[in-house]
Amino acid sequence: MPPDLHPRLLRGFVAVAETLHFGRAAAGLYVAQQALSRDVQALERQLGELLFHRTSRSVRLTPAGESLLPRARRLLALHDEILTSVHRRVLLVDLNSDVEGDDLTPARVLDAARTAAPDTELLARFHGGLAAAAEELAAHRLDVAFGRFAGLPARTRERLVHVPVRLEPLAVVVPDGHPLAAPGPLPVAALAGHPLDVLAGNPATTEWTDLGLRLVRDHGLSATPGRTPPVGVPEFARYLGRHRVPVLTTTGGPRIPGAVTRPLVDPLPLALLGLVHRPGLRHPGLAALRAAAARLGRREGWLVRPPGSWLPAEDAALVPAGRASAGGR
């Protein structure tokens, strides 16, 4: 199998061939002249041909160089065309649900990425949960998704790339008039006697249900049976009013009319939200999303785990080293 030919070597060769001057060619490429000379020599060694006659006063193409020049131009043009088409392609980003909230992490990351990369089109999708989005990622019908990666089956995780984004505090949302509807933080133990709805009937969010069932099991609570899930804020409000049970959510989750969101404490339960994409995906929109998540995370301490918090071991193993505070469960 012949060795690969790096486009950088051809680009340097074409620049020298068009200027017949190593200094001017290096300046046009924004590289050092010595680095450009090394690249031309590396290309000559790889091709086994002398491409330039060099003297202290002049640079001239050899017959081999003259023969290579038009072909190198065509190859670089095709190379640039391929990259341009990839960069112009819309990047499809799943935000789970089309809702508004005080602190919805996927929406904040997307907004920040759009601001940082205004020439890149990032188009939102709403598949309802990472379990559903993972199937779309595998089928190349979706590019990026957000959710709890540790809750996916192992065989699914092996086919995806995970970037930890934020440790999100958990909460419950309850309808007005419910015994737990008083404002303020709610101790986890106060959920005893109030079965927790972890959306067990939703196949799109099995990773979230898994988290809720672990919380229930570890704290001696109970969960409601699986029900057909609501879609959208108005339907969620009707669902709460009908079933009148606490539903597991995050503190920055959607605002539900006629309901109260109470942050859980003692211990503070967390969910690790990550950015997930296919291996090998190269797109400026993906780079913008990852950079935006990293900037927000550094500024707001998104991956710093408070002491004494609750987080499943599978999730804790995915938190970058040095971010989990001592004392976390």
Protein backbone atom coordinates (compact mmCIF):
# COMPACT_ATOMS: atom_id res chain seq x y z
CA MET A 1 0.00 0.00 0.00
CA PRO A 2 1.56 3.36 -1.02
CA PRO A 3 2.18 5.90 1.75
CA ASP A 4 -0.25 8.78 2.22
CA LEU A 5 0.70 12.16 0.77
CA HIS A 6 -0.04 14.99 3.16
CA PRO A 7 -1.77 18.00 1.53
CA ARG A 8 0.54 20.33 3.47
CA LEU A 9 3.53 19.09 1.47
CA LEU A 10 1.76 19.72 -1.83
CA ARG A 11 0.58 23.14 -0.69
CA GLY A 12 4.15 24.15 0.15
CA PHE A 13 5.41 22.84 -3.19
CA VAL A 14 2.75 24.80 -5.13
CA ALA A 15 3.52 28.00 -3.21
CA VAL A 16 7.23 27.76 -4.06
CA ALA A 17 6.50 26.78 -7.68
CA GLU A 18 4.25 29.83 -8.12
CA THR A 19 6.65 32.35 -6.53
CA LEU A 20 9.98 30.64 -7.31
CA HIS A 21 11.12 32.06 -3.98
CA PHE A 22 11.17 30.16 -0.68
CA GLY A 23 11.00 33.30 1.45
CA ARG A 24 7.96 34.78 -0.28
CA ALA A 25 6.23 31.38 -0.38
CA ALA A 26 6.82 30.88 3.36
CA ALA A 27 5.43 34.33 4.14
CA GLY A 28 2.32 33.61 2.08
CA LEU A 29 1.74 30.39 4.00
CA TYR A 30 2.53 31.98 7.39
CA VAL A 31 5.24 29.43 8.13
CA ALA A 32 8.96 29.66 8.75
CA GLN A 33 11.19 29.36 5.67
CA GLN A 34 13.12 26.49 7.24
CA ALA A 35 9.87 24.58 7.85
CA LEU A 36 8.83 25.10 4.23
CA SER A 37 12.23 23.89 2.99
CA ARG A 38 11.89 20.75 5.12
CA ASP A 39 8.42 20.07 3.69
CA VAL A 40 9.66 20.40 0.09
CA GLN A 41 12.57 18.09 0.84
CA ALA A 42 10.20 15.60 2.50
CA LEU A 43 8.01 15.66 -0.64
CA GLU A 44 11.03 15.11 -2.87
CA ARG A 45 12.12 12.13 -0.75
CA GLN A 46 8.61 10.65 -0.80
CA LEU A 47 8.32 11.01 -4.59
CA GLY A 48 11.93 10.12 -5.29
CA GLU A 49 12.25 13.14 -7.58
CA LEU A 50 14.09 16.47 -7.46
CA LEU A 51 11.40 19.15 -7.88
CA PHE A 52 13.51 22.34 -7.88
CA HIS A 53 16.92 23.46 -9.06
CA ARG A 54 18.19 25.71 -6.28
CA THR A 55 21.08 28.12 -6.33
CA SER A 56 21.95 31.05 -4.07
CA ARG A 57 20.33 33.37 -6.65
CA SER A 58 17.42 31.46 -8.15
CA VAL A 59 14.87 28.67 -7.85
CA ARG A 60 13.64 26.80 -10.96
CA LEU A 61 11.29 23.90 -11.46
CA THR A 62 12.78 20.65 -12.70
CA PRO A 63 10.90 18.66 -15.37
CA ALA A 64 9.50 16.53 -12.55
CA GLY A 65 8.33 19.67 -10.77
CA GLU A 66 6.70 21.05 -13.91
CA SER A 67 4.88 17.76 -14.38
CA LEU A 68 3.69 17.67 -10.76
CA LEU A 69 2.44 21.27 -10.55
CA PRO A 70 -0.89 21.00 -12.46
CA ARG A 71 -1.75 17.71 -10.76
CA ALA A 72 -0.93 19.14 -7.33
CA ARG A 73 -3.18 22.13 -8.03
CA ARG A 74 -6.07 19.84 -9.01
CA LEU A 75 -5.63 17.68 -5.91
CA LEU A 76 -5.50 20.69 -3.58
CA ALA A 77 -8.57 22.17 -5.22
CA LEU A 78 -10.48 18.91 -4.63
CA HIS A 79 -9.17 18.75 -1.06
CA ASP A 80 -10.40 22.30 -0.36
CA GLU A 81 -13.74 21.60 -2.03
CA ILE A 82 -14.31 18.57 0.22
CA LEU A 83 -13.48 20.55 3.36
CA THR A 84 -15.68 23.45 2.29
CA SER A 85 -18.65 21.17 1.70
CA VAL A 86 -18.20 19.58 5.14
CA HIS A 87 -17.89 22.96 6.84
CA ARG A 88 -21.03 24.25 5.13
CA ARG A 89 -23.12 21.22 6.07
CA VAL A 90 -25.73 21.85 8.72
CA LEU A 91 -24.89 20.27 12.09
CA LEU A 92 -27.96 18.65 13.69
CA VAL A 93 -27.97 19.05 17.48
CA ASP A 94 -30.49 17.32 19.75
CA LEU A 95 -31.62 19.37 22.78
CA ASN A 96 -33.99 16.65 24.08
CA SER A 97 -37.14 18.81 24.34
CA ASP A 98 -38.43 22.03 22.86
CA VAL A 99 -39.04 23.77 26.20
CA GLU A 100 -37.91 26.91 28.00
CA GLY A 101 -36.24 26.89 31.41
CA ASP A 102 -34.19 29.04 33.73
CA ASP A 103 -30.95 27.13 33.16
CA LEU A 104 -31.25 24.50 30.42
CA THR A 105 -27.69 23.37 29.74
CA PRO A 106 -28.06 22.13 26.12
CA ALA A 107 -29.80 25.34 25.06
CA ARG A 108 -27.16 27.49 26.76
CA VAL A 109 -24.32 25.59 25.10
CA LEU A 110 -26.00 25.83 21.69
CA ASP A 111 -26.61 29.58 22.09
CA ALA A 112 -22.98 30.16 23.08
CA ALA A 113 -21.71 28.08 20.13
CA ARG A 114 -23.91 29.99 17.68
CA THR A 115 -22.55 33.28 19.02
CA ALA A 116 -18.95 32.10 18.72
CA ALA A 117 -19.39 30.59 15.23
CA PRO A 118 -22.04 32.71 13.46
CA ASP A 119 -21.09 31.41 9.99
CA THR A 120 -21.78 27.78 11.00
CA GLU A 121 -25.37 26.54 10.86
CA LEU A 122 -26.36 24.61 13.97
CA LEU A 123 -29.90 23.26 13.73
CA ALA A 124 -31.73 22.05 16.84
CA ARG A 125 -33.64 18.78 17.00
CA PHE A 126 -35.84 17.41 19.78
CA HIS A 127 -35.79 13.62 20.17
CA GLY A 128 -36.98 13.62 23.78
CA GLY A 129 -34.03 11.85 25.40
CA LEU A 130 -30.56 10.45 24.82
CA ALA A 131 -31.78 6.87 24.40
CA ALA A 132 -33.78 7.95 21.36
CA ALA A 133 -31.08 10.32 20.12
CA ALA A 134 -28.41 7.60 20.30
CA GLU A 135 -30.26 5.59 17.66
CA GLU A 136 -30.36 8.66 15.41
CA LEU A 137 -26.64 9.26 15.95
CA ALA A 138 -25.83 5.68 14.97
CA ALA A 139 -27.93 6.03 11.81
CA HIS A 140 -26.19 9.33 10.86
CA ARG A 141 -29.51 11.17 11.03
CA LEU A 142 -28.20 13.28 13.92
CA ASP A 143 -24.77 14.68 14.74
CA VAL A 144 -24.71 15.73 18.40
CA ALA A 145 -26.92 15.06 21.42
CA PHE A 146 -26.98 15.86 25.13
CA GLY A 147 -27.88 13.53 27.99
CA ARG A 148 -26.81 11.04 30.64
CA PHE A 149 -24.27 8.85 28.86
CA ALA A 150 -23.76 6.37 31.73
CA GLY A 151 -27.39 5.28 31.43
CA LEU A 152 -27.00 3.98 27.88
CA PRO A 153 -26.31 0.27 27.21
CA ALA A 154 -22.61 -0.58 27.09
CA ARG A 155 -22.75 -1.60 23.41
CA THR A 156 -24.28 1.77 22.54
CA ARG A 157 -21.65 3.69 24.53
CA GLU A 158 -18.87 1.88 22.69
CA ARG A 159 -20.04 3.41 19.40
CA LEU A 160 -20.15 7.01 20.66
CA VAL A 161 -17.87 9.74 22.00
CA HIS A 162 -18.79 11.35 25.33
CA VAL A 163 -17.71 14.78 26.57
CA PRO A 164 -18.68 15.51 30.21
CA VAL A 165 -20.40 18.90 30.37
CA ARG A 166 -22.17 19.52 33.67
CA LEU A 167 -23.11 18.01 37.02
CA GLU A 168 -26.75 19.09 37.23
CA PRO A 169 -28.54 19.21 40.62
CA LEU A 170 -31.76 17.22 40.69
CA ALA A 171 -35.17 18.48 41.75
CA VAL A 172 -38.80 17.44 41.73
CA VAL A 173 -41.68 19.28 40.15
CA VAL A 174 -45.04 18.97 41.92
CA PRO A 175 -48.46 20.51 41.20
CA ASP A 176 -49.73 23.45 43.21
CA GLY A 177 -51.58 22.24 46.31
CA HIS A 178 -49.49 19.07 46.65
CA PRO A 179 -48.21 18.33 50.18
CA LEU A 180 -44.65 18.90 48.88
CA ALA A 181 -45.45 22.13 47.03
CA ALA A 182 -43.99 24.51 49.63
CA PRO A 183 -41.14 26.62 48.17
CA GLY A 184 -37.48 25.97 48.94
CA PRO A 185 -35.15 22.96 49.03
CA LEU A 186 -36.62 19.55 49.76
CA PRO A 187 -34.69 16.85 51.70
CA VAL A 188 -34.58 13.58 49.77
CA ALA A 189 -36.00 11.78 52.80
CA ALA A 190 -39.16 13.91 52.56
CA LEU A 191 -40.06 11.95 49.41
CA ALA A 192 -40.79 8.90 51.56
CA GLY A 193 -44.46 8.10 51.15
CA HIS A 194 -44.63 10.04 47.87
CA PRO A 195 -43.81 7.72 44.94
CA LEU A 196 -41.45 9.43 42.53
CA ASP A 197 -42.26 9.57 38.82
CA VAL A 198 -39.04 8.82 36.90
CA LEU A 199 -40.74 8.65 33.48
CA ALA A 200 -40.49 4.87 33.47
CA GLY A 201 -42.95 4.66 30.60
CA ASN A 202 -40.84 6.70 28.20
CA PRO A 203 -38.60 4.61 25.88
CA ALA A 204 -36.83 7.78 24.71
CA THR A 205 -35.42 8.49 28.19
CA THR A 206 -34.39 5.13 29.59
CA GLU A 207 -31.07 6.66 30.69
CA TRP A 208 -33.01 9.16 32.85
CA THR A 209 -35.29 6.46 34.28
CA ASP A 210 -32.20 4.46 35.22
CA LEU A 211 -30.87 7.46 37.18
CA GLY A 212 -34.19 7.94 38.97
CA LEU A 213 -34.46 4.28 39.93
CA ARG A 214 -30.94 4.37 41.35
CA LEU A 215 -31.87 7.41 43.43
CA VAL A 216 -35.01 5.64 44.67
CA ARG A 217 -33.13 2.44 45.50
CA ASP A 218 -30.25 4.15 47.30
CA HIS A 219 -32.54 6.22 49.53
CA GLY A 220 -35.30 3.75 50.33
CA LEU A 221 -37.94 5.53 48.26
CA SER A 222 -40.55 4.22 45.83
CA ALA A 223 -41.29 4.92 42.17
CA THR A 224 -44.54 5.16 40.28
CA PRO A 225 -45.36 2.60 37.57
CA GLY A 226 -44.55 3.51 34.01
CA ARG A 227 -47.06 5.78 32.30
CA THR A 228 -47.37 7.16 28.80
CA PRO A 229 -45.24 10.32 28.95
CA PRO A 230 -46.44 13.84 28.14
CA VAL A 231 -44.83 15.84 25.34
CA GLY A 232 -44.53 19.61 25.67
CA VAL A 233 -45.13 21.98 28.58
CA PRO A 234 -48.97 22.22 28.33
CA GLU A 235 -49.28 18.43 28.28
CA PHE A 236 -46.80 18.12 31.14
CA ALA A 237 -48.90 20.54 33.21
CA ARG A 238 -52.02 18.42 32.51
CA TYR A 239 -50.08 15.26 33.38
CA LEU A 240 -49.04 16.73 36.74
CA GLY A 241 -52.56 17.88 37.50
CA ARG A 242 -54.00 14.47 36.71
CA HIS A 243 -51.53 12.20 38.49
CA ARG A 244 -50.41 14.62 41.25
CA VAL A 245 -47.08 12.96 41.99
CA PRO A 246 -43.58 14.46 42.17
CA VAL A 247 -41.70 14.12 38.88
CA LEU A 248 -37.90 13.99 38.80
CA THR A 249 -36.28 16.88 36.95
CA THR A 250 -33.29 19.23 37.26
CA THR A 251 -33.15 22.58 39.04
CA GLY A 252 -32.83 24.37 35.70
CA GLY A 253 -35.56 22.35 34.05
CA PRO A 254 -38.63 23.60 32.20
CA ARG A 255 -41.07 26.02 33.82
CA ILE A 256 -44.43 24.28 34.26
CA PRO A 257 -47.56 26.41 34.83
CA GLY A 258 -49.41 25.50 38.01
CA ALA A 259 -46.42 23.67 39.46
CA VAL A 260 -43.52 24.18 41.86
CA THR A 261 -39.94 22.97 41.31
CA ARG A 262 -38.13 22.05 44.53
CA PRO A 263 -34.37 21.39 44.55
CA LEU A 264 -33.42 18.17 46.33
CA VAL A 265 -30.89 18.25 49.19
CA ASP A 266 -29.50 16.12 52.03
CA PRO A 267 -27.77 14.70 50.07
CA LEU A 268 -27.60 16.85 46.95
CA PRO A 269 -28.34 14.40 44.07
CA LEU A 270 -26.62 15.07 40.76
CA ALA A 271 -26.92 13.98 37.14
CA LEU A 272 -23.91 14.10 34.81
CA LEU A 273 -25.00 15.62 31.53
CA GLY A 274 -22.68 15.06 28.57
CA LEU A 275 -22.28 16.01 24.93
CA VAL A 276 -22.37 12.90 22.74
CA HIS A 277 -21.39 12.42 19.09
CA ARG A 278 -20.14 9.80 16.63
CA PRO A 279 -16.40 8.97 16.49
CA GLY A 280 -14.54 10.67 13.66
CA LEU A 281 -17.03 13.53 13.28
CA ARG A 282 -15.16 16.65 12.15
CA HIS A 283 -17.17 19.82 11.82
CA PRO A 284 -16.57 23.42 12.94
CA GLY A 285 -19.96 23.32 14.66
CA LEU A 286 -18.89 20.42 16.85
CA ALA A 287 -15.69 22.26 17.75
CA ALA A 288 -17.78 25.33 18.62
CA LEU A 289 -20.12 23.30 20.84
CA ARG A 290 -17.27 21.63 22.70
CA ALA A 291 -15.48 24.94 23.18
CA ALA A 292 -18.66 26.65 24.39
CA ALA A 293 -19.35 23.88 26.91
CA ALA A 294 -15.77 24.11 28.18
CA ARG A 295 -15.94 27.91 28.55
CA LEU A 296 -19.23 27.84 30.42
CA GLY A 297 -18.03 24.97 32.56
CA ARG A 298 -14.85 26.74 33.62
CA ARG A 299 -16.67 29.98 34.36
CA GLU A 300 -19.50 28.41 36.38
CA GLY A 301 -17.82 25.33 37.84
CA TRP A 302 -20.08 22.91 36.01
CA LEU A 303 -17.93 19.85 36.70
CA VAL A 304 -17.02 20.62 40.30
CA ARG A 305 -18.77 18.11 42.54
CA PRO A 306 -19.92 19.44 45.92
CA PRO A 307 -18.87 17.46 49.00
CA GLY A 308 -21.47 15.00 50.24
CA SER A 309 -23.40 14.92 46.97
CA TRP A 310 -24.98 11.79 45.50
CA LEU A 311 -23.93 10.54 42.07
CA PRO A 312 -24.02 6.98 40.73
CA ALA A 313 -20.58 5.36 40.52
CA GLU A 314 -20.95 4.88 36.76
CA ASP A 315 -21.41 8.63 36.32
CA ALA A 316 -18.68 9.56 38.80
CA ALA A 317 -16.20 7.51 36.77
CA LEU A 318 -16.84 9.81 33.80
CA VAL A 319 -16.13 13.07 35.65
CA PRO A 320 -12.66 14.39 34.69
CA ALA A 321 -9.97 13.72 37.29
CA GLY A 322 -9.60 16.47 39.84
CA ARG A 323 -13.17 17.75 39.41
CA ALA A 324 -14.90 15.55 42.00
CA SER A 325 -14.59 17.05 45.47
CA ALA A 326 -13.68 14.84 48.39
CA GLY A 327 -16.62 13.57 50.35
CA GLY A 328 -18.88 12.84 47.38
CA ARG A 329 -20.67 9.55 47.53
